[in-house]
């Protein structure tokens, strides 16, 4: 499964990640950059007075591969 991991600088200069599990996995750099800028402009993600997505930093796809070792028996 691929996850889109968006990194933002917060208003207190920390790094915050916004992970989207069901995002299109063929998005262009321009589309993602614009979406991140639009998200930052909304100022919707505020917690305890800190804007969590103040400035876009980076974006990447993260792919998780599961390798079962022991499986549960079927009931």
Protein backbone atom coordinates (compact mmCIF):
# COMPACT_ATOMS: atom_id res chain seq x y z
CA UNK A 1 0.00 0.00 0.00
CA UNK A 2 1.30 3.46 -0.88
CA UNK A 3 0.85 6.44 1.43
CA UNK A 4 1.37 10.06 0.44
CA UNK A 5 3.47 11.69 3.19
CA UNK A 6 3.32 15.50 3.18
CA UNK A 7 5.85 17.34 5.39
CA UNK A 8 5.14 20.83 6.66
CA UNK A 9 6.94 23.27 8.93
CA UNK A 10 4.71 24.36 11.81
CA UNK A 11 4.41 27.91 13.07
CA UNK A 12 6.84 26.95 15.88
CA UNK A 13 9.45 25.61 13.38
CA UNK A 14 8.78 21.92 14.03
CA UNK A 15 8.13 19.36 11.29
CA UNK A 16 4.61 17.92 10.99
CA UNK A 17 3.62 15.06 8.67
CA UNK A 18 0.21 14.68 7.09
CA UNK A 19 -0.20 11.13 5.78
CA UNK A 20 -2.87 10.33 3.21
CA UNK A 21 -3.55 6.62 2.83
CA UNK A 22 -5.90 6.67 -0.17
CA UNK A 23 -4.25 9.27 -2.39
CA UNK A 24 -3.71 8.87 -6.11
CA UNK A 25 -0.21 7.44 -6.59
CA UNK A 26 0.41 9.21 -9.93
CA UNK A 27 0.30 12.84 -8.84
CA UNK A 28 2.77 15.26 -10.43
CA UNK A 29 5.13 17.52 -8.50
CA UNK A 30 3.15 20.58 -9.60
CA UNK A 31 -0.19 19.17 -8.42
CA UNK A 32 1.18 18.14 -5.01
CA UNK A 33 3.03 21.44 -4.54
CA UNK A 34 -0.12 23.44 -5.30
CA UNK A 35 -2.24 21.26 -3.00
CA UNK A 36 0.27 21.69 -0.16
CA UNK A 37 0.34 25.46 -0.68
CA UNK A 38 -3.47 25.56 -0.70
CA UNK A 39 -3.60 23.54 2.54
CA UNK A 40 -1.13 25.88 4.21
CA UNK A 41 -3.15 28.90 3.12
CA UNK A 42 -6.36 27.61 4.75
CA UNK A 43 -4.88 27.62 8.27
CA UNK A 44 -7.36 24.87 9.21
CA UNK A 45 -4.90 22.65 11.07
CA UNK A 46 -4.32 24.50 14.35
CA UNK A 47 -3.72 22.80 17.69
CA UNK A 48 -3.12 24.75 20.93
CA UNK A 49 -2.46 27.90 18.92
CA UNK A 50 0.14 26.22 16.68
CA UNK A 51 -0.46 26.12 12.92
CA UNK A 52 0.55 22.56 12.01
CA UNK A 53 0.83 23.16 8.25
CA UNK A 54 2.30 26.66 8.10
CA UNK A 55 4.84 26.05 5.32
CA UNK A 56 5.17 23.15 2.83
CA UNK A 57 8.51 21.34 3.00
CA UNK A 58 8.43 18.04 1.10
CA UNK A 59 6.25 15.23 -0.18
CA UNK A 60 6.91 11.57 -0.87
CA UNK A 61 5.18 8.27 -1.45
CA UNK A 62 5.88 5.61 1.17
CA UNK A 63 5.20 2.01 0.21
CA UNK A 64 4.57 -0.57 2.92
CA UNK A 65 5.13 -4.23 2.15
CA UNK A 66 3.78 -6.79 4.60
CA UNK A 67 5.48 -10.16 4.98
CA UNK A 68 3.41 -12.51 7.17
CA UNK A 69 5.37 -14.79 9.51
CA UNK A 70 2.54 -16.42 11.46
CA UNK A 71 -1.04 -16.23 10.27
CA UNK A 72 -4.18 -16.58 12.37
CA UNK A 73 -6.19 -19.75 11.77
CA UNK A 74 -9.46 -19.32 9.94
CA UNK A 75 -12.49 -19.73 12.19
